[in-house]
mmCIF file of all heavy atoms, coordinates in Angstrom:
data_MODEL
# 
_entry.id   MODEL 
# 
loop_
_atom_site.group_PDB 
_atom_site.id 
_atom_site.type_symbol 
_atom_site.label_atom_id 
_atom_site.label_alt_id 
_atom_site.label_comp_id 
_atom_site.label_asym_id 
_atom_site.label_entity_id 
_atom_site.label_seq_id 
_atom_site.pdbx_PDB_ins_code 
_atom_site.Cartn_x 
_atom_site.Cartn_y 
_atom_site.Cartn_z 
_atom_site.occupancy 
_atom_site.B_iso_or_equiv 
_atom_site.pdbx_formal_charge 
_atom_site.auth_seq_id 
_atom_site.auth_comp_id 
_atom_site.auth_asym_id 
_atom_site.auth_atom_id 
_atom_site.pdbx_PDB_model_num 
ATOM 1   N N   . GLN A 1 1  ? -36.948 38.380 -29.370 1.00 0.00 ? 1  GLN A N   1 
ATOM 2   C CA  . GLN A 1 1  ? -38.058 39.379 -29.110 1.00 0.00 ? 1  GLN A CA  1 
ATOM 3   C C   . GLN A 1 1  ? -37.565 40.729 -28.666 1.00 0.00 ? 1  GLN A C   1 
ATOM 4   O O   . GLN A 1 1  ? -36.464 40.782 -28.139 1.00 0.00 ? 1  GLN A O   1 
ATOM 5   C CB  . GLN A 1 1  ? -39.043 38.871 -28.130 1.00 0.00 ? 1  GLN A CB  1 
ATOM 6   C CG  . GLN A 1 1  ? -39.864 37.665 -28.640 1.00 0.00 ? 1  GLN A CG  1 
ATOM 7   C CD  . GLN A 1 1  ? -40.913 37.247 -27.653 1.00 0.00 ? 1  GLN A CD  1 
ATOM 8   O OE1 . GLN A 1 1  ? -40.797 37.674 -26.538 1.00 0.00 ? 1  GLN A OE1 1 
ATOM 9   N NE2 . GLN A 1 1  ? -41.800 36.424 -27.984 1.00 0.00 ? 1  GLN A NE2 1 
ATOM 10  N N   . VAL A 1 2  ? -38.251 41.730 -28.940 1.00 0.00 ? 2  VAL A N   1 
ATOM 11  C CA  . VAL A 1 2  ? -37.957 43.110 -28.516 1.00 0.00 ? 2  VAL A CA  1 
ATOM 12  C C   . VAL A 1 2  ? -38.911 43.636 -27.574 1.00 0.00 ? 2  VAL A C   1 
ATOM 13  O O   . VAL A 1 2  ? -40.169 43.513 -27.840 1.00 0.00 ? 2  VAL A O   1 
ATOM 14  C CB  . VAL A 1 2  ? -37.800 44.022 -29.772 1.00 0.00 ? 2  VAL A CB  1 
ATOM 15  C CG1 . VAL A 1 2  ? -37.411 45.519 -29.234 1.00 0.00 ? 2  VAL A CG1 1 
ATOM 16  C CG2 . VAL A 1 2  ? -36.690 43.545 -30.719 1.00 0.00 ? 2  VAL A CG2 1 
ATOM 17  N N   . GLN A 1 3  ? -38.505 44.117 -26.323 1.00 0.00 ? 3  GLN A N   1 
ATOM 18  C CA  . GLN A 1 3  ? -39.412 44.627 -25.431 1.00 0.00 ? 3  GLN A CA  1 
ATOM 19  C C   . GLN A 1 3  ? -39.285 46.162 -25.168 1.00 0.00 ? 3  GLN A C   1 
ATOM 20  O O   . GLN A 1 3  ? -38.174 46.650 -25.170 1.00 0.00 ? 3  GLN A O   1 
ATOM 21  C CB  . GLN A 1 3  ? -39.237 43.902 -24.011 1.00 0.00 ? 3  GLN A CB  1 
ATOM 22  C CG  . GLN A 1 3  ? -39.740 42.474 -23.910 1.00 0.00 ? 3  GLN A CG  1 
ATOM 23  C CD  . GLN A 1 3  ? -38.595 41.469 -24.340 1.00 0.00 ? 3  GLN A CD  1 
ATOM 24  O OE1 . GLN A 1 3  ? -37.498 41.754 -23.972 1.00 0.00 ? 3  GLN A OE1 1 
ATOM 25  N NE2 . GLN A 1 3  ? -38.939 40.511 -25.067 1.00 0.00 ? 3  GLN A NE2 1 
ATOM 26  N N   . LEU A 1 4  ? -40.467 46.833 -25.095 1.00 0.00 ? 4  LEU A N   1 
ATOM 27  C CA  . LEU A 1 4  ? -40.402 48.220 -24.857 1.00 0.00 ? 4  LEU A CA  1 
ATOM 28  C C   . LEU A 1 4  ? -41.213 48.339 -23.556 1.00 0.00 ? 4  LEU A C   1 
ATOM 29  O O   . LEU A 1 4  ? -42.354 47.871 -23.402 1.00 0.00 ? 4  LEU A O   1 
ATOM 30  C CB  . LEU A 1 4  ? -41.163 48.926 -25.935 1.00 0.00 ? 4  LEU A CB  1 
ATOM 31  C CG  . LEU A 1 4  ? -40.342 49.242 -27.199 1.00 0.00 ? 4  LEU A CG  1 
ATOM 32  C CD1 . LEU A 1 4  ? -40.386 47.893 -28.048 1.00 0.00 ? 4  LEU A CD1 1 
ATOM 33  C CD2 . LEU A 1 4  ? -41.010 50.278 -28.178 1.00 0.00 ? 4  LEU A CD2 1 
ATOM 34  N N   . VAL A 1 5  ? -40.615 49.026 -22.609 1.00 0.00 ? 5  VAL A N   1 
ATOM 35  C CA  . VAL A 1 5  ? -41.255 49.218 -21.294 1.00 0.00 ? 5  VAL A CA  1 
ATOM 36  C C   . VAL A 1 5  ? -41.322 50.621 -20.873 1.00 0.00 ? 5  VAL A C   1 
ATOM 37  O O   . VAL A 1 5  ? -40.322 51.327 -20.766 1.00 0.00 ? 5  VAL A O   1 
ATOM 38  C CB  . VAL A 1 5  ? -40.440 48.388 -20.185 1.00 0.00 ? 5  VAL A CB  1 
ATOM 39  C CG1 . VAL A 1 5  ? -41.271 48.567 -18.841 1.00 0.00 ? 5  VAL A CG1 1 
ATOM 40  C CG2 . VAL A 1 5  ? -40.457 46.904 -20.518 1.00 0.00 ? 5  VAL A CG2 1 
ATOM 41  N N   . GLU A 1 6  ? -42.615 51.106 -20.872 1.00 0.00 ? 6  GLU A N   1 
ATOM 42  C CA  . GLU A 1 6  ? -42.804 52.601 -20.427 1.00 0.00 ? 6  GLU A CA  1 
ATOM 43  C C   . GLU A 1 6  ? -42.885 52.704 -18.932 1.00 0.00 ? 6  GLU A C   1 
ATOM 44  O O   . GLU A 1 6  ? -43.300 51.841 -18.270 1.00 0.00 ? 6  GLU A O   1 
ATOM 45  C CB  . GLU A 1 6  ? -44.137 53.045 -21.111 1.00 0.00 ? 6  GLU A CB  1 
ATOM 46  C CG  . GLU A 1 6  ? -44.121 52.945 -22.618 1.00 0.00 ? 6  GLU A CG  1 
ATOM 47  C CD  . GLU A 1 6  ? -44.945 51.729 -23.006 1.00 0.00 ? 6  GLU A CD  1 
ATOM 48  O OE1 . GLU A 1 6  ? -45.009 50.735 -22.290 1.00 0.00 ? 6  GLU A OE1 1 
ATOM 49  O OE2 . GLU A 1 6  ? -45.488 51.761 -24.074 1.00 0.00 ? 6  GLU A OE2 1 
ATOM 50  N N   . SER A 1 7  ? -42.556 53.965 -18.486 1.00 0.00 ? 7  SER A N   1 
ATOM 51  C CA  . SER A 1 7  ? -42.752 54.205 -17.033 1.00 0.00 ? 7  SER A CA  1 
ATOM 52  C C   . SER A 1 7  ? -42.811 55.782 -16.939 1.00 0.00 ? 7  SER A C   1 
ATOM 53  O O   . SER A 1 7  ? -42.597 56.408 -18.002 1.00 0.00 ? 7  SER A O   1 
ATOM 54  C CB  . SER A 1 7  ? -41.532 53.774 -16.309 1.00 0.00 ? 7  SER A CB  1 
ATOM 55  O OG  . SER A 1 7  ? -40.287 54.391 -16.661 1.00 0.00 ? 7  SER A OG  1 
ATOM 56  N N   . GLY A 1 8  ? -43.206 56.179 -15.667 1.00 0.00 ? 8  GLY A N   1 
ATOM 57  C CA  . GLY A 1 8  ? -43.320 57.605 -15.494 1.00 0.00 ? 8  GLY A CA  1 
ATOM 58  C C   . GLY A 1 8  ? -44.704 58.223 -15.537 1.00 0.00 ? 8  GLY A C   1 
ATOM 59  O O   . GLY A 1 8  ? -44.874 59.402 -15.228 1.00 0.00 ? 8  GLY A O   1 
ATOM 60  N N   . GLY A 1 9  ? -45.750 57.526 -15.785 1.00 0.00 ? 9  GLY A N   1 
ATOM 61  C CA  . GLY A 1 9  ? -47.040 57.976 -15.891 1.00 0.00 ? 9  GLY A CA  1 
ATOM 62  C C   . GLY A 1 9  ? -47.544 58.199 -14.523 1.00 0.00 ? 9  GLY A C   1 
ATOM 63  O O   . GLY A 1 9  ? -46.877 57.819 -13.534 1.00 0.00 ? 9  GLY A O   1 
ATOM 64  N N   . GLY A 1 10 ? -48.700 58.754 -14.223 1.00 0.00 ? 10 GLY A N   1 
ATOM 65  C CA  . GLY A 1 10 ? -49.297 58.984 -13.078 1.00 0.00 ? 10 GLY A CA  1 
ATOM 66  C C   . GLY A 1 10 ? -50.436 60.039 -13.105 1.00 0.00 ? 10 GLY A C   1 
ATOM 67  O O   . GLY A 1 10 ? -50.914 60.334 -14.122 1.00 0.00 ? 10 GLY A O   1 
ATOM 68  N N   . LEU A 1 11 ? -50.776 60.519 -11.890 1.00 0.00 ? 11 LEU A N   1 
ATOM 69  C CA  . LEU A 1 11 ? -51.875 61.440 -11.693 1.00 0.00 ? 11 LEU A CA  1 
ATOM 70  C C   . LEU A 1 11 ? -51.190 62.846 -11.420 1.00 0.00 ? 11 LEU A C   1 
ATOM 71  O O   . LEU A 1 11 ? -50.395 62.990 -10.502 1.00 0.00 ? 11 LEU A O   1 
ATOM 72  C CB  . LEU A 1 11 ? -52.814 61.035 -10.545 1.00 0.00 ? 11 LEU A CB  1 
ATOM 73  C CG  . LEU A 1 11 ? -53.860 62.154 -10.165 1.00 0.00 ? 11 LEU A CG  1 
ATOM 74  C CD1 . LEU A 1 11 ? -54.815 62.319 -11.310 1.00 0.00 ? 11 LEU A CD1 1 
ATOM 75  C CD2 . LEU A 1 11 ? -54.562 61.656 -8.912  1.00 0.00 ? 11 LEU A CD2 1 
ATOM 76  N N   . VAL A 1 12 ? -51.572 63.885 -12.178 1.00 0.00 ? 12 VAL A N   1 
ATOM 77  C CA  . VAL A 1 12 ? -51.068 65.199 -11.940 1.00 0.00 ? 12 VAL A CA  1 
ATOM 78  C C   . VAL A 1 12 ? -52.050 66.192 -12.170 1.00 0.00 ? 12 VAL A C   1 
ATOM 79  O O   . VAL A 1 12 ? -53.078 65.920 -12.979 1.00 0.00 ? 12 VAL A O   1 
ATOM 80  C CB  . VAL A 1 12 ? -49.863 65.396 -12.937 1.00 0.00 ? 12 VAL A CB  1 
ATOM 81  C CG1 . VAL A 1 12 ? -50.297 65.364 -14.388 1.00 0.00 ? 12 VAL A CG1 1 
ATOM 82  C CG2 . VAL A 1 12 ? -49.090 66.735 -12.680 1.00 0.00 ? 12 VAL A CG2 1 
ATOM 83  N N   . GLN A 1 13 ? -51.983 67.369 -11.535 1.00 0.00 ? 13 GLN A N   1 
ATOM 84  C CA  . GLN A 1 13 ? -52.887 68.379 -11.736 1.00 0.00 ? 13 GLN A CA  1 
ATOM 85  C C   . GLN A 1 13 ? -52.684 69.180 -13.058 1.00 0.00 ? 13 GLN A C   1 
ATOM 86  O O   . GLN A 1 13 ? -51.486 69.198 -13.552 1.00 0.00 ? 13 GLN A O   1 
ATOM 87  C CB  . GLN A 1 13 ? -52.861 69.350 -10.515 1.00 0.00 ? 13 GLN A CB  1 
ATOM 88  C CG  . GLN A 1 13 ? -53.373 68.843 -9.310  1.00 0.00 ? 13 GLN A CG  1 
ATOM 89  C CD  . GLN A 1 13 ? -53.544 69.916 -8.158  1.00 0.00 ? 13 GLN A CD  1 
ATOM 90  O OE1 . GLN A 1 13 ? -52.831 70.859 -8.212  1.00 0.00 ? 13 GLN A OE1 1 
ATOM 91  N NE2 . GLN A 1 13 ? -54.468 69.704 -7.202  1.00 0.00 ? 13 GLN A NE2 1 
ATOM 92  N N   . ALA A 1 14 ? -53.693 69.789 -13.558 1.00 0.00 ? 14 ALA A N   1 
ATOM 93  C CA  . ALA A 1 14 ? -53.450 70.692 -14.775 1.00 0.00 ? 14 ALA A CA  1 
ATOM 94  C C   . ALA A 1 14 ? -52.473 71.614 -14.535 1.00 0.00 ? 14 ALA A C   1 
ATOM 95  O O   . ALA A 1 14 ? -52.385 72.179 -13.535 1.00 0.00 ? 14 ALA A O   1 
ATOM 96  C CB  . ALA A 1 14 ? -54.809 71.245 -15.119 1.00 0.00 ? 14 ALA A CB  1 
ATOM 97  N N   . GLY A 1 15 ? -51.526 71.844 -15.551 1.00 0.00 ? 15 GLY A N   1 
ATOM 98  C CA  . GLY A 1 15 ? -50.465 72.768 -15.452 1.00 0.00 ? 15 GLY A CA  1 
ATOM 99  C C   . GLY A 1 15 ? -49.255 72.071 -14.962 1.00 0.00 ? 15 GLY A C   1 
ATOM 100 O O   . GLY A 1 15 ? -48.101 72.652 -14.994 1.00 0.00 ? 15 GLY A O   1 
ATOM 101 N N   . GLY A 1 16 ? -49.294 70.871 -14.505 1.00 0.00 ? 16 GLY A N   1 
ATOM 102 C CA  . GLY A 1 16 ? -48.109 70.112 -13.939 1.00 0.00 ? 16 GLY A CA  1 
ATOM 103 C C   . GLY A 1 16 ? -47.336 69.418 -15.021 1.00 0.00 ? 16 GLY A C   1 
ATOM 104 O O   . GLY A 1 16 ? -47.573 69.500 -16.303 1.00 0.00 ? 16 GLY A O   1 
ATOM 105 N N   . SER A 1 17 ? -46.200 68.656 -14.674 1.00 0.00 ? 17 SER A N   1 
ATOM 106 C CA  . SER A 1 17 ? -45.361 68.041 -15.686 1.00 0.00 ? 17 SER A CA  1 
ATOM 107 C C   . SER A 1 17 ? -45.143 66.535 -15.271 1.00 0.00 ? 17 SER A C   1 
ATOM 108 O O   . SER A 1 17 ? -45.326 66.136 -14.079 1.00 0.00 ? 17 SER A O   1 
ATOM 109 C CB  . SER A 1 17 ? -44.057 68.777 -15.552 1.00 0.00 ? 17 SER A CB  1 
ATOM 110 O OG  . SER A 1 17 ? -44.202 70.021 -15.983 1.00 0.00 ? 17 SER A OG  1 
ATOM 111 N N   . LEU A 1 18 ? -44.913 65.797 -16.295 1.00 0.00 ? 18 LEU A N   1 
ATOM 112 C CA  . LEU A 1 18 ? -44.522 64.444 -16.177 1.00 0.00 ? 18 LEU A CA  1 
ATOM 113 C C   . LEU A 1 18 ? -43.482 64.101 -17.123 1.00 0.00 ? 18 LEU A C   1 
ATOM 114 O O   . LEU A 1 18 ? -43.397 64.730 -18.279 1.00 0.00 ? 18 LEU A O   1 
ATOM 115 C CB  . LEU A 1 18 ? -45.654 63.476 -16.364 1.00 0.00 ? 18 LEU A CB  1 
ATOM 116 C CG  . LEU A 1 18 ? -46.744 63.307 -15.191 1.00 0.00 ? 18 LEU A CG  1 
ATOM 117 C CD1 . LEU A 1 18 ? -47.949 62.395 -15.715 1.00 0.00 ? 18 LEU A CD1 1 
ATOM 118 C CD2 . LEU A 1 18 ? -46.131 62.752 -13.955 1.00 0.00 ? 18 LEU A CD2 1 
ATOM 119 N N   . ARG A 1 19 ? -42.573 63.171 -16.926 1.00 0.00 ? 19 ARG A N   1 
ATOM 120 C CA  . ARG A 1 19 ? -41.573 62.677 -17.759 1.00 0.00 ? 19 ARG A CA  1 
ATOM 121 C C   . ARG A 1 19 ? -41.764 61.210 -18.003 1.00 0.00 ? 19 ARG A C   1 
ATOM 122 O O   . ARG A 1 19 ? -41.559 60.321 -17.132 1.00 0.00 ? 19 ARG A O   1 
ATOM 123 C CB  . ARG A 1 19 ? -40.179 63.024 -17.366 1.00 0.00 ? 19 ARG A CB  1 
ATOM 124 C CG  . ARG A 1 19 ? -39.127 62.740 -18.384 1.00 0.00 ? 19 ARG A CG  1 
ATOM 125 C CD  . ARG A 1 19 ? -37.724 62.610 -17.737 1.00 0.00 ? 19 ARG A CD  1 
ATOM 126 N NE  . ARG A 1 19 ? -36.610 62.802 -18.695 1.00 0.00 ? 19 ARG A NE  1 
ATOM 127 C CZ  . ARG A 1 19 ? -35.427 62.435 -18.503 1.00 0.00 ? 19 ARG A CZ  1 
ATOM 128 N NH1 . ARG A 1 19 ? -35.111 61.870 -17.242 1.00 0.00 ? 19 ARG A NH1 1 
ATOM 129 N NH2 . ARG A 1 19 ? -34.455 62.506 -19.427 1.00 0.00 ? 19 ARG A NH2 1 
ATOM 130 N N   . LEU A 1 20 ? -42.094 60.793 -19.206 1.00 0.00 ? 20 LEU A N   1 
ATOM 131 C CA  . LEU A 1 20 ? -42.281 59.424 -19.508 1.00 0.00 ? 20 LEU A CA  1 
ATOM 132 C C   . LEU A 1 20 ? -40.900 58.860 -20.085 1.00 0.00 ? 20 LEU A C   1 
ATOM 133 O O   . LEU A 1 20 ? -40.242 59.588 -20.763 1.00 0.00 ? 20 LEU A O   1 
ATOM 134 C CB  . LEU A 1 20 ? -43.376 59.128 -20.549 1.00 0.00 ? 20 LEU A CB  1 
ATOM 135 C CG  . LEU A 1 20 ? -44.711 59.708 -20.194 1.00 0.00 ? 20 LEU A CG  1 
ATOM 136 C CD1 . LEU A 1 20 ? -45.729 59.417 -21.336 1.00 0.00 ? 20 LEU A CD1 1 
ATOM 137 C CD2 . LEU A 1 20 ? -45.182 59.233 -18.867 1.00 0.00 ? 20 LEU A CD2 1 
ATOM 138 N N   . SER A 1 21 ? -40.648 57.663 -19.798 1.00 0.00 ? 21 SER A N   1 
ATOM 139 C CA  . SER A 1 21 ? -39.469 56.973 -20.309 1.00 0.00 ? 21 SER A CA  1 
ATOM 140 C C   . SER A 1 21 ? -39.914 55.613 -20.890 1.00 0.00 ? 21 SER A C   1 
ATOM 141 O O   . SER A 1 21 ? -40.855 55.033 -20.558 1.00 0.00 ? 21 SER A O   1 
ATOM 142 C CB  . SER A 1 21 ? -38.458 56.655 -19.092 1.00 0.00 ? 21 SER A CB  1 
ATOM 143 O OG  . SER A 1 21 ? -38.027 57.745 -18.495 1.00 0.00 ? 21 SER A OG  1 
ATOM 144 N N   . CYS A 1 22 ? -39.175 55.145 -21.905 1.00 0.00 ? 22 CYS A N   1 
ATOM 145 C CA  . CYS A 1 22 ? -39.420 53.995 -22.620 1.00 0.00 ? 22 CYS A CA  1 
ATOM 146 C C   . CYS A 1 22 ? -37.994 53.293 -22.827 1.00 0.00 ? 22 CYS A C   1 
ATOM 147 O O   . CYS A 1 22 ? -37.208 53.802 -23.540 1.00 0.00 ? 22 CYS A O   1 
ATOM 148 C CB  . CYS A 1 22 ? -40.171 54.117 -23.886 1.00 0.00 ? 22 CYS A CB  1 
ATOM 149 S SG  . CYS A 1 22 ? -40.300 52.619 -24.857 1.00 0.00 ? 22 CYS A SG  1 
ATOM 150 N N   . VAL A 1 23 ? -37.806 52.178 -22.093 1.00 0.00 ? 23 VAL A N   1 
ATOM 151 C CA  . VAL A 1 23 ? -36.491 51.411 -22.410 1.00 0.00 ? 23 VAL A CA  1 
ATOM 152 C C   . VAL A 1 23 ? -36.750 50.221 -23.319 1.00 0.00 ? 23 VAL A C   1 
ATOM 153 O O   . VAL A 1 23 ? -37.726 49.477 -23.168 1.00 0.00 ? 23 VAL A O   1 
ATOM 154 C CB  . VAL A 1 23 ? -35.965 50.904 -20.985 1.00 0.00 ? 23 VAL A CB  1 
ATOM 155 C CG1 . VAL A 1 23 ? -34.668 50.107 -21.183 1.00 0.00 ? 23 VAL A CG1 1 
ATOM 156 C CG2 . VAL A 1 23 ? -35.874 52.001 -19.940 1.00 0.00 ? 23 VAL A CG2 1 
ATOM 157 N N   . VAL A 1 24 ? -35.760 50.119 -24.230 1.00 0.00 ? 24 VAL A N   1 
ATOM 158 C CA  . VAL A 1 24 ? -35.913 49.005 -25.252 1.00 0.00 ? 24 VAL A CA  1 
ATOM 159 C C   . VAL A 1 24 ? -34.936 48.008 -24.956 1.00 0.00 ? 24 VAL A C   1 
ATOM 160 O O   . VAL A 1 24 ? -33.721 48.268 -24.788 1.00 0.00 ? 24 VAL A O   1 
ATOM 161 C CB  . VAL A 1 24 ? -35.767 49.579 -26.708 1.00 0.00 ? 24 VAL A CB  1 
ATOM 162 C CG1 . VAL A 1 24 ? -35.884 48.454 -27.748 1.00 0.00 ? 24 VAL A CG1 1 
ATOM 163 C CG2 . VAL A 1 24 ? -36.714 50.725 -26.958 1.00 0.00 ? 24 VAL A CG2 1 
ATOM 164 N N   . SER A 1 25 ? -35.289 46.745 -25.059 1.00 0.00 ? 25 SER A N   1 
ATOM 165 C CA  . SER A 1 25 ? -34.418 45.663 -24.822 1.00 0.00 ? 25 SER A CA  1 
ATOM 166 C C   . SER A 1 25 ? -34.916 44.268 -25.369 1.00 0.00 ? 25 SER A C   1 
ATOM 167 O O   . SER A 1 25 ? -35.960 44.373 -26.047 1.00 0.00 ? 25 SER A O   1 
ATOM 168 C CB  . SER A 1 25 ? -34.221 45.330 -23.247 1.00 0.00 ? 25 SER A CB  1 
ATOM 169 O OG  . SER A 1 25 ? -35.570 44.913 -22.648 1.00 0.00 ? 25 SER A OG  1 
ATOM 170 N N   . GLY A 1 26 ? -34.216 43.250 -25.206 1.00 0.00 ? 26 GLY A N   1 
ATOM 171 C CA  . GLY A 1 26 ? -34.711 42.012 -25.681 1.00 0.00 ? 26 GLY A CA  1 
ATOM 172 C C   . GLY A 1 26 ? -33.563 41.103 -26.338 1.00 0.00 ? 26 GLY A C   1 
ATOM 173 O O   . GLY A 1 26 ? -32.487 41.617 -26.730 1.00 0.00 ? 26 GLY A O   1 
ATOM 174 N N   . ARG A 1 27 ? -33.978 39.924 -26.419 1.00 0.00 ? 27 ARG A N   1 
ATOM 175 C CA  . ARG A 1 27 ? -33.008 38.732 -26.930 1.00 0.00 ? 27 ARG A CA  1 
ATOM 176 C C   . ARG A 1 27 ? -32.667 39.051 -28.353 1.00 0.00 ? 27 ARG A C   1 
ATOM 177 O O   . ARG A 1 27 ? -31.437 38.902 -28.714 1.00 0.00 ? 27 ARG A O   1 
ATOM 178 C CB  . ARG A 1 27 ? -33.608 37.501 -26.836 1.00 0.00 ? 27 ARG A CB  1 
ATOM 179 C CG  . ARG A 1 27 ? -32.634 36.344 -27.113 1.00 0.00 ? 27 ARG A CG  1 
ATOM 180 C CD  . ARG A 1 27 ? -33.386 34.880 -26.891 1.00 0.00 ? 27 ARG A CD  1 
ATOM 181 N NE  . ARG A 1 27 ? -34.602 34.753 -27.549 1.00 0.00 ? 27 ARG A NE  1 
ATOM 182 C CZ  . ARG A 1 27 ? -34.576 34.160 -28.736 1.00 0.00 ? 27 ARG A CZ  1 
ATOM 183 N NH1 . ARG A 1 27 ? -33.391 33.785 -29.313 1.00 0.00 ? 27 ARG A NH1 1 
ATOM 184 N NH2 . ARG A 1 27 ? -35.751 33.867 -29.418 1.00 0.00 ? 27 ARG A NH2 1 
ATOM 185 N N   . THR A 1 28 ? -33.463 39.611 -29.238 1.00 0.00 ? 28 THR A N   1 
ATOM 186 C CA  . THR A 1 28 ? -33.173 39.930 -30.550 1.00 0.00 ? 28 THR A CA  1 
ATOM 187 C C   . THR A 1 28 ? -32.963 41.309 -30.907 1.00 0.00 ? 28 THR A C   1 
ATOM 188 O O   . THR A 1 28 ? -32.701 41.797 -32.044 1.00 0.00 ? 28 THR A O   1 
ATOM 189 C CB  . THR A 1 28 ? -34.275 39.416 -31.539 1.00 0.00 ? 28 THR A CB  1 
ATOM 190 O OG1 . THR A 1 28 ? -35.504 40.047 -31.189 1.00 0.00 ? 28 THR A OG1 1 
ATOM 191 C CG2 . THR A 1 28 ? -34.489 37.910 -31.469 1.00 0.00 ? 28 THR A CG2 1 
ATOM 192 N N   . PHE A 1 29 ? -32.874 42.078 -29.785 1.00 0.00 ? 29 PHE A N   1 
ATOM 193 C CA  . PHE A 1 29 ? -32.651 43.538 -29.933 1.00 0.00 ? 29 PHE A CA  1 
ATOM 194 C C   . PHE A 1 29 ? -31.185 43.692 -30.377 1.00 0.00 ? 29 PHE A C   1 
ATOM 195 O O   . PHE A 1 29 ? -30.222 43.138 -29.809 1.00 0.00 ? 29 PHE A O   1 
ATOM 196 C CB  . PHE A 1 29 ? -33.013 44.160 -28.541 1.00 0.00 ? 29 PHE A CB  1 
ATOM 197 C CG  . PHE A 1 29 ? -32.470 45.522 -28.485 1.00 0.00 ? 29 PHE A CG  1 
ATOM 198 C CD1 . PHE A 1 29 ? -33.104 46.519 -29.165 1.00 0.00 ? 29 PHE A CD1 1 
ATOM 199 C CD2 . PHE A 1 29 ? -31.394 45.910 -27.664 1.00 0.00 ? 29 PHE A CD2 1 
ATOM 200 C CE1 . PHE A 1 29 ? -32.721 47.887 -29.074 1.00 0.00 ? 29 PHE A CE1 1 
ATOM 201 C CE2 . PHE A 1 29 ? -31.007 47.195 -27.476 1.00 0.00 ? 29 PHE A CE2 1 
ATOM 202 C CZ  . PHE A 1 29 ? -31.690 48.217 -28.172 1.00 0.00 ? 29 PHE A CZ  1 
# 
């Protein structure tokens, strides 16, 4: 199996910034 795990979300005010990440891993990766 292949897993994709996102992180970095949240609450931010308009005009702000966020950086999302997605790590890919797994036994059949």
